[in-house]
Amino acid sequence: MEILLIEDRYYKNIVKKLDKNIIEKTTTHREIINSAIVDLIDGGGKKLRPFLMFLAASFGDYDKKELLDLGSSIEILHMASLLHDDIIDDADLRRGKVTAQKRFGKNEAVFIGDFLISRTFDILFEYLDKETLIKMNKNLRLICEGEIEQAEKKYDFNISIRDYYRRIRHKTALLFAISSYLGAYVSGIRGKKLNILYKLGLEIGMAFQIQDDILDFNGEQAKTGKKIAKDLEEGVITLPVILLFQKEEYQKKYSHVLEMGGLKNTELDNRKLEQETIISITEDVRNSSVLEESREILKIFITRVDKYLNYLPKNKAKKRLKKLIAAQIDRKY
């Protein structure tokens, strides 16, 4: 199942080459690993992060093989995070495919994810200097901290928008920023332009996650591969819910839910929202103004992306970036 974010020949060609290269880079004698990776690739994936890397590189002078390998490493790392997410969420399906943790077991899925992280760094060590590797590793630590913060704040309906921004910056946006930075760096870009491309990737990542959180309530399940309000069901409090609970009428309506924010982590292990509450909150999110308010916040981040785009010279990559951002606002998956 091929998932393409934009209709663009260059993008489609990169996705095809990445899929092939990822298989080559991860093939091993252990068939369980090979099978899990094929499932992830066959399940589709927008390959947005490595595509962003290629676009950033297009503002400099890059080596195609080097960039393809580095783009593959970013996608392999992302695949590892998906495997580990599925274990944490006890998910049965990922993009319509049975997850590795369901098919092979949790222990095996952990080691498959670890194997992919190892392959990621094999590739990075081949191409990057020590200083860049240190920067890369620092950002990866922050990504892990973002995941941990999300786990710590489960069912905490009192979190602020500022808390939310920090969490998605670490959990999602930094990998976009790393992708853009690496593409630019290995293409010889330095100084102000390198910093602009890093920040451009960061703001695209923020916008991407906000749109994902909107789609959690109004996306088409067949396209997103996620059931509606899946994050809410798992206790992950996203922007539309935060905005809803800032309104006095819903604070009163869900006062019993707001009290869950005072629970200790150990008390959350087996705690779940009642299905009736999930349905009620979902309906209120859809019927109130919060999805439109979330879209207005999304536009703020899109405006920031445009600001950084304006600093870049005109070329095909800039046109494709604009096309990518336009698709970001309208995407349904």
C-alpha atoms as a PDB file:
ATOM      1  CA  MET A   1       0.000   0.000   0.000  1.00  0.00           C
ATOM      2  CA  GLU A   2       1.676   3.174  -1.178  1.00  0.00           C
ATOM      3  CA  ILE A   3       0.985   6.361   0.766  1.00  0.00           C
ATOM      4  CA  LEU A   4       2.024   9.497  -1.094  1.00  0.00           C
ATOM      5  CA  LEU A   5       1.642  12.922   0.415  1.00  0.00           C
ATOM      6  CA  ILE A   6       2.022  14.887  -2.806  1.00  0.00           C
ATOM      7  CA  GLU A   7       1.677  14.119  -6.499  1.00  0.00           C
ATOM      8  CA  ASP A   8       5.231  14.749  -7.620  1.00  0.00           C
ATOM      9  CA  ARG A   9       7.435  12.564  -9.828  1.00  0.00           C
ATOM     10  CA  TYR A  10      10.601  13.452  -7.899  1.00  0.00           C
ATOM     11  CA  TYR A  11       8.932  12.535  -4.583  1.00  0.00           C
ATOM     12  CA  LYS A  12       7.604   9.236  -5.940  1.00  0.00           C
ATOM     13  CA  ASN A  13      11.036   8.338  -7.281  1.00  0.00           C
ATOM     14  CA  ILE A  14      12.667   9.012  -3.901  1.00  0.00           C
ATOM     15  CA  VAL A  15      10.073   6.893  -2.065  1.00  0.00           C
ATOM     16  CA  LYS A  16      10.680   3.992  -4.447  1.00  0.00           C
ATOM     17  CA  LYS A  17      14.474   4.200  -4.078  1.00  0.00           C
ATOM     18  CA  LEU A  18      14.235   4.525  -0.298  1.00  0.00           C
ATOM     19  CA  ASP A  19      12.101   1.391   0.032  1.00  0.00           C
ATOM     20  CA  LYS A  20      14.617  -0.603  -1.997  1.00  0.00           C
ATOM     21  CA  ASN A  21      17.621   0.812  -0.135  1.00  0.00           C
ATOM     22  CA  ILE A  22      16.075   0.217   3.294  1.00  0.00           C
ATOM     23  CA  ILE A  23      15.597  -3.455   2.446  1.00  0.00           C
ATOM     24  CA  GLU A  24      19.236  -3.693   1.332  1.00  0.00           C
ATOM     25  CA  LYS A  25      20.512  -1.943   4.461  1.00  0.00           C
ATOM     26  CA  THR A  26      18.503  -4.030   6.913  1.00  0.00           C
ATOM     27  CA  THR A  27      18.510  -7.522   5.367  1.00  0.00           C
ATOM     28  CA  THR A  28      19.833 -10.106   7.821  1.00  0.00           C
ATOM     29  CA  HIS A  29      19.962 -13.900   8.329  1.00  0.00           C
ATOM     30  CA  ARG A  30      17.126 -13.584  10.859  1.00  0.00           C
ATOM     31  CA  GLU A  31      13.909 -13.967   8.870  1.00  0.00           C
ATOM     32  CA  ILE A  32      11.750 -12.523  11.654  1.00  0.00           C
ATOM     33  CA  ILE A  33      13.554  -9.191  11.271  1.00  0.00           C
ATOM     34  CA  ASN A  34      13.303  -9.271   7.467  1.00  0.00           C
ATOM     35  CA  SER A  35       9.603 -10.078   7.632  1.00  0.00           C
ATOM     36  CA  ALA A  36       8.844  -7.292  10.120  1.00  0.00           C
ATOM     37  CA  ILE A  37      10.655  -4.725   7.968  1.00  0.00           C
ATOM     38  CA  VAL A  38       8.855  -5.831   4.797  1.00  0.00           C
ATOM     39  CA  ASP A  39       5.544  -5.488   6.664  1.00  0.00           C
ATOM     40  CA  LEU A  40       6.412  -1.923   7.659  1.00  0.00           C
ATOM     41  CA  ILE A  41       7.390  -1.001   4.106  1.00  0.00           C
ATOM     42  CA  ASP A  42       4.383  -2.744   2.546  1.00  0.00           C
ATOM     43  CA  GLY A  43       2.158  -0.936   5.051  1.00  0.00           C
ATOM     44  CA  GLY A  44       3.184   2.316   3.420  1.00  0.00           C
ATOM     45  CA  GLY A  45       4.663   5.445   4.865  1.00  0.00           C
ATOM     46  CA  LYS A  46       4.909   8.988   3.595  1.00  0.00           C
ATOM     47  CA  LYS A  47       8.742   9.092   3.831  1.00  0.00           C
ATOM     48  CA  LEU A  48       8.312  12.778   4.592  1.00  0.00           C
ATOM     49  CA  ARG A  49      11.456  13.087   6.725  1.00  0.00           C
ATOM     50  CA  PRO A  50      13.937  11.736   4.135  1.00  0.00           C
ATOM     51  CA  PHE A  51      12.106  13.665   1.404  1.00  0.00           C
ATOM     52  CA  LEU A  52      12.644  16.817   3.455  1.00  0.00           C
ATOM     53  CA  MET A  53      16.319  15.853   3.661  1.00  0.00           C
ATOM     54  CA  PHE A  54      16.549  15.664  -0.135  1.00  0.00           C
ATOM     55  CA  LEU A  55      14.835  19.039  -0.542  1.00  0.00           C
ATOM     56  CA  ALA A  56      17.172  20.707   1.967  1.00  0.00           C
ATOM     57  CA  ALA A  57      20.152  19.159   0.175  1.00  0.00           C
ATOM     58  CA  SER A  58      18.951  20.635  -3.105  1.00  0.00           C
ATOM     59  CA  PHE A  59      20.028  24.081  -1.873  1.00  0.00           C
ATOM     60  CA  GLY A  60      23.635  22.814  -1.892  1.00  0.00           C
ATOM     61  CA  ASP A  61      25.703  20.236  -3.761  1.00  0.00           C
ATOM     62  CA  TYR A  62      25.043  16.643  -2.681  1.00  0.00           C
ATOM     63  CA  ASP A  63      26.108  13.096  -3.501  1.00  0.00           C
ATOM     64  CA  LYS A  64      23.045  11.007  -4.435  1.00  0.00           C
ATOM     65  CA  LYS A  65      24.209   7.751  -2.848  1.00  0.00           C
ATOM     66  CA  GLU A  66      25.242   9.462   0.376  1.00  0.00           C
ATOM     67  CA  LEU A  67      21.915  11.230   0.646  1.00  0.00           C
ATOM     68  CA  LEU A  68      19.954   8.076  -0.171  1.00  0.00           C
ATOM     69  CA  ASP A  69      21.796   6.202   2.587  1.00  0.00           C
ATOM     70  CA  LEU A  70      21.327   9.004   5.124  1.00  0.00           C
ATOM     71  CA  GLY A  71      17.665   9.345   4.160  1.00  0.00           C
ATOM     72  CA  SER A  72      17.279   5.600   4.644  1.00  0.00           C
ATOM     73  CA  SER A  73      18.898   5.857   8.088  1.00  0.00           C
ATOM     74  CA  ILE A  74      16.352   8.486   9.156  1.00  0.00           C
ATOM     75  CA  GLU A  75      13.465   6.332   7.919  1.00  0.00           C
ATOM     76  CA  ILE A  76      14.939   3.210   9.572  1.00  0.00           C
ATOM     77  CA  LEU A  77      15.139   5.137  12.850  1.00  0.00           C
ATOM     78  CA  HIS A  78      11.514   6.221  12.405  1.00  0.00           C
ATOM     79  CA  MET A  79      10.518   2.588  11.763  1.00  0.00           C
ATOM     80  CA  ALA A  80      12.254   1.568  15.002  1.00  0.00           C
ATOM     81  CA  SER A  81      10.236   4.181  16.890  1.00  0.00           C
ATOM     82  CA  LEU A  82       7.007   2.815  15.366  1.00  0.00           C
ATOM     83  CA  LEU A  83       7.866  -0.710  16.496  1.00  0.00           C
ATOM     84  CA  HIS A  84       8.529   0.496  20.030  1.00  0.00           C
ATOM     85  CA  ASP A  85       5.369   2.653  20.018  1.00  0.00           C
ATOM     86  CA  ASP A  86       3.298  -0.392  19.077  1.00  0.00           C
ATOM     87  CA  ILE A  87       4.746  -2.328  22.018  1.00  0.00           C
ATOM     88  CA  ILE A  88       3.946   0.500  24.450  1.00  0.00           C
ATOM     89  CA  ASP A  89       0.415   0.883  23.020  1.00  0.00           C
ATOM     90  CA  ASP A  90      -0.113  -2.892  22.763  1.00  0.00           C
ATOM     91  CA  ALA A  91      -1.280  -2.199  19.195  1.00  0.00           C
ATOM     92  CA  ASP A  92      -2.531  -5.025  16.981  1.00  0.00           C
ATOM     93  CA  LEU A  93      -2.414  -3.121  13.683  1.00  0.00           C
ATOM     94  CA  ARG A  94      -0.099  -0.589  12.051  1.00  0.00           C
ATOM     95  CA  ARG A  95      -1.277   0.894   8.731  1.00  0.00           C
ATOM     96  CA  GLY A  96      -3.601  -2.053   8.265  1.00  0.00           C
ATOM     97  CA  LYS A  97      -0.867  -4.655   8.908  1.00  0.00           C
ATOM     98  CA  VAL A  98      -0.495  -6.881  11.974  1.00  0.00           C
ATOM     99  CA  THR A  99       2.186  -5.307  14.179  1.00  0.00           C
ATOM    100  CA  ALA A 100       5.476  -7.062  14.944  1.00  0.00           C
ATOM    101  CA  GLN A 101       4.655  -7.205  18.641  1.00  0.00           C
ATOM    102  CA  LYS A 102       1.346  -8.950  17.865  1.00  0.00           C
ATOM    103  CA  ARG A 103       2.821 -11.262  15.226  1.00  0.00           C
ATOM    104  CA  PHE A 104       6.116 -12.216  16.874  1.00  0.00           C
ATOM    105  CA  GLY A 105       5.757 -11.166  20.515  1.00  0.00           C
ATOM    106  CA  LYS A 106       6.773  -8.119  22.536  1.00  0.00           C
ATOM    107  CA  ASN A 107      10.295  -9.299  23.339  1.00  0.00           C
ATOM    108  CA  GLU A 108      11.071 -10.012  19.703  1.00  0.00           C
ATOM    109  CA  ALA A 109       9.596  -6.658  18.623  1.00  0.00           C
ATOM    110  CA  VAL A 110      11.836  -4.820  21.117  1.00  0.00           C
ATOM    111  CA  PHE A 111      14.919  -6.480  19.669  1.00  0.00           C
ATOM    112  CA  ILE A 112      13.806  -5.815  16.080  1.00  0.00           C
ATOM    113  CA  GLY A 113      13.485  -2.123  16.960  1.00  0.00           C
ATOM    114  CA  ASP A 114      16.900  -2.195  18.642  1.00  0.00           C
ATOM    115  CA  PHE A 115      18.373  -3.858  15.549  1.00  0.00           C
ATOM    116  CA  LEU A 116      17.023  -1.032  13.381  1.00  0.00           C
ATOM    117  CA  ILE A 117      18.531   1.609  15.683  1.00  0.00           C
ATOM    118  CA  SER A 118      21.865  -0.195  15.382  1.00  0.00           C
ATOM    119  CA  ARG A 119      21.632  -0.140  11.578  1.00  0.00           C
ATOM    120  CA  THR A 120      20.774   3.570  11.723  1.00  0.00           C
ATOM    121  CA  PHE A 121      24.036   4.354  13.481  1.00  0.00           C
ATOM    122  CA  ASP A 122      26.030   2.070  11.185  1.00  0.00           C
ATOM    123  CA  ILE A 123      25.009   4.358   8.341  1.00  0.00           C
ATOM    124  CA  LEU A 124      25.496   7.581  10.282  1.00  0.00           C
ATOM    125  CA  PHE A 125      29.007   6.574  11.381  1.00  0.00           C
ATOM    126  CA  GLU A 126      29.907   5.949   7.750  1.00  0.00           C
ATOM    127  CA  TYR A 127      29.119   9.492   6.601  1.00  0.00           C
ATOM    128  CA  LEU A 128      29.113  11.956   9.493  1.00  0.00           C
ATOM    129  CA  ASP A 129      31.936  13.616  11.403  1.00  0.00           C
ATOM    130  CA  LYS A 130      32.191  13.506  15.196  1.00  0.00           C
ATOM    131  CA  GLU A 131      30.680  16.957  15.768  1.00  0.00           C
ATOM    132  CA  THR A 132      27.601  16.157  13.678  1.00  0.00           C
ATOM    133  CA  LEU A 133      27.186  12.764  15.356  1.00  0.00           C
ATOM    134  CA  ILE A 134      27.221  14.453  18.772  1.00  0.00           C
ATOM    135  CA  LYS A 135      24.537  16.907  17.607  1.00  0.00           C
ATOM    136  CA  MET A 136      22.510  14.021  16.180  1.00  0.00           C
ATOM    137  CA  ASN A 137      22.770  12.029  19.408  1.00  0.00           C
ATOM    138  CA  LYS A 138      21.760  15.028  21.528  1.00  0.00           C
ATOM    139  CA  ASN A 139      18.597  15.449  19.466  1.00  0.00           C
ATOM    140  CA  LEU A 140      17.828  11.736  19.738  1.00  0.00           C
ATOM    141  CA  ARG A 141      18.053  11.999  23.541  1.00  0.00           C
ATOM    142  CA  LEU A 142      15.520  14.825  23.429  1.00  0.00           C
ATOM    143  CA  ILE A 143      13.224  12.712  21.234  1.00  0.00           C
ATOM    144  CA  CYS A 144      13.360   9.935  23.849  1.00  0.00           C
ATOM    145  CA  GLU A 145      12.616  12.485  26.584  1.00  0.00           C
ATOM    146  CA  GLY A 146       9.571  13.613  24.600  1.00  0.00           C
ATOM    147  CA  GLU A 147       8.278  10.039  24.503  1.00  0.00           C
ATOM    148  CA  ILE A 148       8.853   9.677  28.247  1.00  0.00           C
ATOM    149  CA  GLU A 149       7.100  12.980  28.960  1.00  0.00           C
ATOM    150  CA  GLN A 150       4.097  11.771  26.949  1.00  0.00           C
ATOM    151  CA  ALA A 151       3.993   8.604  29.048  1.00  0.00           C
ATOM    152  CA  GLU A 152       4.312  10.591  32.295  1.00  0.00           C
ATOM    153  CA  LYS A 153       1.453  12.918  31.312  1.00  0.00           C
ATOM    154  CA  LYS A 154      -0.998  10.188  30.347  1.00  0.00           C
ATOM    155  CA  TYR A 155      -4.561  11.056  31.355  1.00  0.00           C
ATOM    156  CA  ASP A 156      -3.436  14.466  32.595  1.00  0.00           C
ATOM    157  CA  PHE A 157      -6.187  16.694  31.206  1.00  0.00           C
ATOM    158  CA  ASN A 158      -4.698  19.714  32.976  1.00  0.00           C
ATOM    159  CA  ILE A 159      -1.640  20.095  30.731  1.00  0.00           C
ATOM    160  CA  SER A 160      -1.128  23.473  29.097  1.00  0.00           C
ATOM    161  CA  ILE A 161      -0.644  24.304  25.423  1.00  0.00           C
ATOM    162  CA  ARG A 162       2.945  25.202  26.316  1.00  0.00           C
ATOM    163  CA  ASP A 163       3.455  21.677  27.721  1.00  0.00           C
ATOM    164  CA  TYR A 164       1.966  20.276  24.532  1.00  0.00           C
ATOM    165  CA  TYR A 165       4.264  22.332  22.299  1.00  0.00           C
ATOM    166  CA  ARG A 166       7.335  21.179  24.216  1.00  0.00           C
ATOM    167  CA  ARG A 167       6.266  17.555  24.001  1.00  0.00           C
ATOM    168  CA  ILE A 168       5.593  17.505  20.245  1.00  0.00           C
ATOM    169  CA  ARG A 169       8.754  19.534  19.591  1.00  0.00           C
ATOM    170  CA  HIS A 170      10.791  16.790  21.218  1.00  0.00           C
ATOM    171  CA  LYS A 171       8.709  13.790  20.198  1.00  0.00           C
ATOM    172  CA  THR A 172       8.061  14.678  16.536  1.00  0.00           C
ATOM    173  CA  ALA A 173       9.450  17.964  15.259  1.00  0.00           C
ATOM    174  CA  LEU A 174      13.109  17.341  16.133  1.00  0.00           C
ATOM    175  CA  LEU A 175      13.373  14.386  13.747  1.00  0.00           C
ATOM    176  CA  PHE A 176      12.086  16.623  10.947  1.00  0.00           C
ATOM    177  CA  ALA A 177      14.643  19.267  11.939  1.00  0.00           C
ATOM    178  CA  ILE A 178      17.447  16.670  12.017  1.00  0.00           C
ATOM    179  CA  SER A 179      16.436  15.473   8.546  1.00  0.00           C
ATOM    180  CA  SER A 180      16.523  18.966   7.089  1.00  0.00           C
ATOM    181  CA  TYR A 181      19.779  19.793   8.887  1.00  0.00           C
ATOM    182  CA  LEU A 182      21.594  16.641   7.737  1.00  0.00           C
ATOM    183  CA  GLY A 183      20.513  17.113   4.121  1.00  0.00           C
ATOM    184  CA  ALA A 184      21.811  20.668   4.168  1.00  0.00           C
ATOM    185  CA  TYR A 185      25.011  19.870   6.082  1.00  0.00           C
ATOM    186  CA  VAL A 186      26.246  17.036   3.862  1.00  0.00           C
ATOM    187  CA  SER A 187      25.564  19.266   0.850  1.00  0.00           C
ATOM    188  CA  GLY A 188      28.071  21.826   2.052  1.00  0.00           C
ATOM    189  CA  ILE A 189      25.584  24.344   3.448  1.00  0.00           C
ATOM    190  CA  ARG A 190      26.825  26.257   6.490  1.00  0.00           C
ATOM    191  CA  GLY A 191      26.079  29.352   8.539  1.00  0.00           C
ATOM    192  CA  LYS A 192      22.758  31.193   8.372  1.00  0.00           C
ATOM    193  CA  LYS A 193      21.285  29.054   5.584  1.00  0.00           C
ATOM    194  CA  LEU A 194      22.003  25.843   7.551  1.00  0.00           C
ATOM    195  CA  ASN A 195      20.234  27.303  10.598  1.00  0.00           C
ATOM    196  CA  ILE A 196      17.269  28.395   8.465  1.00  0.00           C
ATOM    197  CA  LEU A 197      16.853  24.890   7.029  1.00  0.00           C
ATOM    198  CA  TYR A 198      17.060  23.373  10.525  1.00  0.00           C
ATOM    199  CA  LYS A 199      14.330  25.723  11.808  1.00  0.00           C
ATOM    200  CA  LEU A 200      12.284  25.148   8.658  1.00  0.00           C
ATOM    201  CA  GLY A 201      12.277  21.406   9.380  1.00  0.00           C
ATOM    202  CA  LEU A 202      11.360  22.044  13.012  1.00  0.00           C
ATOM    203  CA  GLU A 203       8.309  24.142  12.119  1.00  0.00           C
ATOM    204  CA  ILE A 204       7.202  21.628   9.469  1.00  0.00           C
ATOM    205  CA  GLY A 205       7.407  18.917  12.137  1.00  0.00           C
ATOM    206  CA  MET A 206       5.294  20.967  14.549  1.00  0.00           C
ATOM    207  CA  ALA A 207       2.680  21.529  11.844  1.00  0.00           C
ATOM    208  CA  PHE A 208       2.742  17.844  10.905  1.00  0.00           C
ATOM    209  CA  GLN A 209       2.002  16.737  14.482  1.00  0.00           C
ATOM    210  CA  ILE A 210      -0.757  19.293  15.007  1.00  0.00           C
ATOM    211  CA  GLN A 211      -2.435  18.118  11.805  1.00  0.00           C
ATOM    212  CA  ASP A 212      -2.070  14.507  12.996  1.00  0.00           C
ATOM    213  CA  ASP A 213      -3.798  15.441  16.253  1.00  0.00           C
ATOM    214  CA  ILE A 214      -6.647  17.104  14.368  1.00  0.00           C
ATOM    215  CA  LEU A 215      -6.999  14.017  12.163  1.00  0.00           C
ATOM    216  CA  ASP A 216      -7.240  11.861  15.288  1.00  0.00           C
ATOM    217  CA  PHE A 217     -10.764  13.265  15.586  1.00  0.00           C
ATOM    218  CA  ASN A 218     -11.884  13.909  12.024  1.00  0.00           C
ATOM    219  CA  GLY A 219      -9.641  11.779   9.789  1.00  0.00           C
ATOM    220  CA  GLU A 220     -10.811   8.895   7.644  1.00  0.00           C
ATOM    221  CA  GLN A 221      -9.870   5.701   9.468  1.00  0.00           C
ATOM    222  CA  ALA A 222      -9.299   3.798   6.222  1.00  0.00           C
ATOM    223  CA  LYS A 223      -6.665   6.378   5.221  1.00  0.00           C
ATOM    224  CA  THR A 224      -5.062   7.236   8.567  1.00  0.00           C
ATOM    225  CA  GLY A 225      -4.806   3.592   9.659  1.00  0.00           C
ATOM    226  CA  LYS A 226      -5.921   4.687  13.156  1.00  0.00           C
ATOM    227  CA  LYS A 227      -9.293   4.406  14.838  1.00  0.00           C
ATOM    228  CA  ILE A 228     -10.917   7.727  15.699  1.00  0.00           C
ATOM    229  CA  ALA A 229      -9.800   9.211  19.057  1.00  0.00           C
ATOM    230  CA  LYS A 230      -7.109   6.550  19.441  1.00  0.00           C
ATOM    231  CA  ASP A 231      -4.806   8.965  21.287  1.00  0.00           C
ATOM    232  CA  LEU A 232      -7.569   9.958  23.683  1.00  0.00           C
ATOM    233  CA  GLU A 233      -8.355   6.311  24.375  1.00  0.00           C
ATOM    234  CA  GLU A 234      -4.698   5.751  25.275  1.00  0.00           C
ATOM    235  CA  GLY A 235      -4.598   8.777  27.563  1.00  0.00           C
ATOM    236  CA  VAL A 236      -2.515  10.970  25.233  1.00  0.00           C
ATOM    237  CA  ILE A 237      -3.900  14.490  25.579  1.00  0.00           C
ATOM    238  CA  THR A 238      -3.616  16.418  22.304  1.00  0.00           C
ATOM    239  CA  LEU A 239      -4.306  19.997  21.220  1.00  0.00           C
ATOM    240  CA  PRO A 240      -8.073  19.714  20.473  1.00  0.00           C
ATOM    241  CA  VAL A 241      -8.701  18.156  23.902  1.00  0.00           C
ATOM    242  CA  ILE A 242      -6.532  20.750  25.666  1.00  0.00           C
ATOM    243  CA  LEU A 243      -8.509  23.545  23.991  1.00  0.00           C
ATOM    244  CA  LEU A 244     -11.809  21.854  24.909  1.00  0.00           C
ATOM    245  CA  PHE A 245     -10.858  21.541  28.577  1.00  0.00           C
ATOM    246  CA  GLN A 246      -9.852  25.188  28.733  1.00  0.00           C
ATOM    247  CA  LYS A 247     -13.522  26.086  28.296  1.00  0.00           C
ATOM    248  CA  GLU A 248     -15.434  26.476  31.561  1.00  0.00           C
ATOM    249  CA  GLU A 249     -18.517  24.526  30.468  1.00  0.00           C
ATOM    250  CA  TYR A 250     -16.426  21.439  29.683  1.00  0.00           C
ATOM    251  CA  GLN A 251     -14.352  21.800  32.834  1.00  0.00           C
ATOM    252  CA  LYS A 252     -17.585  21.414  34.777  1.00  0.00           C
ATOM    253  CA  LYS A 253     -18.894  18.620  32.577  1.00  0.00           C
ATOM    254  CA  TYR A 254     -15.687  16.591  32.910  1.00  0.00           C
ATOM    255  CA  SER A 255     -14.596  17.530  36.435  1.00  0.00           C
ATOM    256  CA  HIS A 256     -14.251  13.823  37.257  1.00  0.00           C
ATOM    257  CA  VAL A 257     -11.847  13.404  34.322  1.00  0.00           C
ATOM    258  CA  LEU A 258      -9.745  16.419  35.273  1.00  0.00           C
ATOM    259  CA  GLU A 259      -9.031  14.746  38.610  1.00  0.00           C
ATOM    260  CA  MET A 260      -7.108  12.021  36.751  1.00  0.00           C
ATOM    261  CA  GLY A 261      -4.237  14.464  36.347  1.00  0.00           C
ATOM    262  CA  GLY A 262      -3.433  13.981  40.019  1.00  0.00           C
ATOM    263  CA  LEU A 263      -2.865  10.250  39.701  1.00  0.00           C
ATOM    264  CA  LYS A 264       0.582   8.791  40.168  1.00  0.00           C
ATOM    265  CA  ASN A 265       2.246   6.885  37.340  1.00  0.00           C
ATOM    266  CA  THR A 266       1.828   3.608  39.200  1.00  0.00           C
ATOM    267  CA  GLU A 267      -1.912   4.217  39.414  1.00  0.00           C
ATOM    268  CA  LEU A 268      -2.140   4.712  35.654  1.00  0.00           C
ATOM    269  CA  ASP A 269      -0.887   1.273  34.704  1.00  0.00           C
ATOM    270  CA  ASN A 270      -4.332  -0.275  34.440  1.00  0.00           C
ATOM    271  CA  ARG A 271      -6.397   2.912  34.249  1.00  0.00           C
ATOM    272  CA  LYS A 272      -8.482   3.612  31.176  1.00  0.00           C
ATOM    273  CA  LEU A 273     -11.195   6.063  30.286  1.00  0.00           C
ATOM    274  CA  GLU A 274     -14.707   4.658  30.171  1.00  0.00           C
ATOM    275  CA  GLN A 275     -15.852   4.140  26.591  1.00  0.00           C
ATOM    276  CA  GLU A 276     -18.832   6.358  27.285  1.00  0.00           C
ATOM    277  CA  THR A 277     -16.468   9.194  28.303  1.00  0.00           C
ATOM    278  CA  ILE A 278     -14.306   8.727  25.205  1.00  0.00           C
ATOM    279  CA  ILE A 279     -17.381   8.939  22.969  1.00  0.00           C
ATOM    280  CA  SER A 280     -18.672  12.005  24.822  1.00  0.00           C
ATOM    281  CA  ILE A 281     -15.357  13.913  24.641  1.00  0.00           C
ATOM    282  CA  THR A 282     -14.964  12.973  20.966  1.00  0.00           C
ATOM    283  CA  GLU A 283     -18.436  14.299  20.143  1.00  0.00           C
ATOM    284  CA  ASP A 284     -17.755  17.521  22.052  1.00  0.00           C
ATOM    285  CA  VAL A 285     -14.461  18.018  20.235  1.00  0.00           C
ATOM    286  CA  ARG A 286     -16.222  17.557  16.899  1.00  0.00           C
ATOM    287  CA  ASN A 287     -19.258  19.686  17.737  1.00  0.00           C
ATOM    288  CA  SER A 288     -17.474  22.566  19.473  1.00  0.00           C
ATOM    289  CA  SER A 289     -15.115  25.131  17.960  1.00  0.00           C
ATOM    290  CA  VAL A 290     -11.869  23.454  19.057  1.00  0.00           C
ATOM    291  CA  LEU A 291     -11.015  21.737  15.770  1.00  0.00           C
ATOM    292  CA  GLU A 292     -11.264  25.074  13.981  1.00  0.00           C
ATOM    293  CA  GLU A 293      -9.202  26.683  16.759  1.00  0.00           C
ATOM    294  CA  SER A 294      -6.616  23.937  16.277  1.00  0.00           C
ATOM    295  CA  ARG A 295      -6.523  24.662  12.549  1.00  0.00           C
ATOM    296  CA  GLU A 296      -5.898  28.338  13.301  1.00  0.00           C
ATOM    297  CA  ILE A 297      -2.927  27.338  15.468  1.00  0.00           C
ATOM    298  CA  LEU A 298      -1.745  25.061  12.652  1.00  0.00           C
ATOM    299  CA  LYS A 299      -1.793  28.080  10.328  1.00  0.00           C
ATOM    300  CA  ILE A 300       0.511  29.950  12.729  1.00  0.00           C
ATOM    301  CA  PHE A 301       3.146  27.252  12.283  1.00  0.00           C
ATOM    302  CA  ILE A 302       2.583  27.203   8.529  1.00  0.00           C
ATOM    303  CA  THR A 303       3.204  30.975   8.554  1.00  0.00           C
ATOM    304  CA  ARG A 304       6.506  30.353  10.352  1.00  0.00           C
ATOM    305  CA  VAL A 305       7.440  27.816   7.684  1.00  0.00           C
ATOM    306  CA  ASP A 306       6.680  30.402   5.004  1.00  0.00           C
ATOM    307  CA  LYS A 307       8.882  32.922   6.828  1.00  0.00           C
ATOM    308  CA  TYR A 308      11.899  30.603   6.616  1.00  0.00           C
ATOM    309  CA  LEU A 309      11.065  29.679   3.021  1.00  0.00           C
ATOM    310  CA  ASN A 310      11.261  33.348   2.077  1.00  0.00           C
ATOM    311  CA  TYR A 311      14.951  33.377   3.078  1.00  0.00           C
ATOM    312  CA  LEU A 312      15.781  30.608   0.604  1.00  0.00           C
ATOM    313  CA  PRO A 313      16.693  31.137  -3.058  1.00  0.00           C
ATOM    314  CA  LYS A 314      14.219  30.191  -5.765  1.00  0.00           C
ATOM    315  CA  ASN A 315      14.697  26.704  -7.209  1.00  0.00           C
ATOM    316  CA  LYS A 316      12.721  23.503  -7.772  1.00  0.00           C
ATOM    317  CA  ALA A 317      13.255  22.409  -4.166  1.00  0.00           C
ATOM    318  CA  LYS A 318      11.607  25.587  -2.893  1.00  0.00           C
ATOM    319  CA  LYS A 319       8.616  25.000  -5.180  1.00  0.00           C
ATOM    320  CA  ARG A 320       8.342  21.424  -3.894  1.00  0.00           C
ATOM    321  CA  LEU A 321       8.554  22.627  -0.296  1.00  0.00           C
ATOM    322  CA  LYS A 322       5.650  25.005  -0.957  1.00  0.00           C
ATOM    323  CA  LYS A 323       3.707  22.158  -2.538  1.00  0.00           C
ATOM    324  CA  LEU A 324       4.476  19.978   0.468  1.00  0.00           C
ATOM    325  CA  ILE A 325       3.220  22.633   2.901  1.00  0.00           C
ATOM    326  CA  ALA A 326       0.024  23.131   0.902  1.00  0.00           C
ATOM    327  CA  ALA A 327      -0.586  19.370   1.043  1.00  0.00           C
ATOM    328  CA  GLN A 328       0.113  19.422   4.779  1.00  0.00           C
ATOM    329  CA  ILE A 329      -2.839  21.729   5.466  1.00  0.00           C
ATOM    330  CA  ASP A 330      -5.281  19.635   3.422  1.00  0.00           C
ATOM    331  CA  ARG A 331      -4.075  16.086   4.093  1.00  0.00           C
ATOM    332  CA  LYS A 332      -6.560  13.490   5.343  1.00  0.00           C
ATOM    333  CA  TYR A 333      -4.039  10.870   6.490  1.00  0.00           C
END
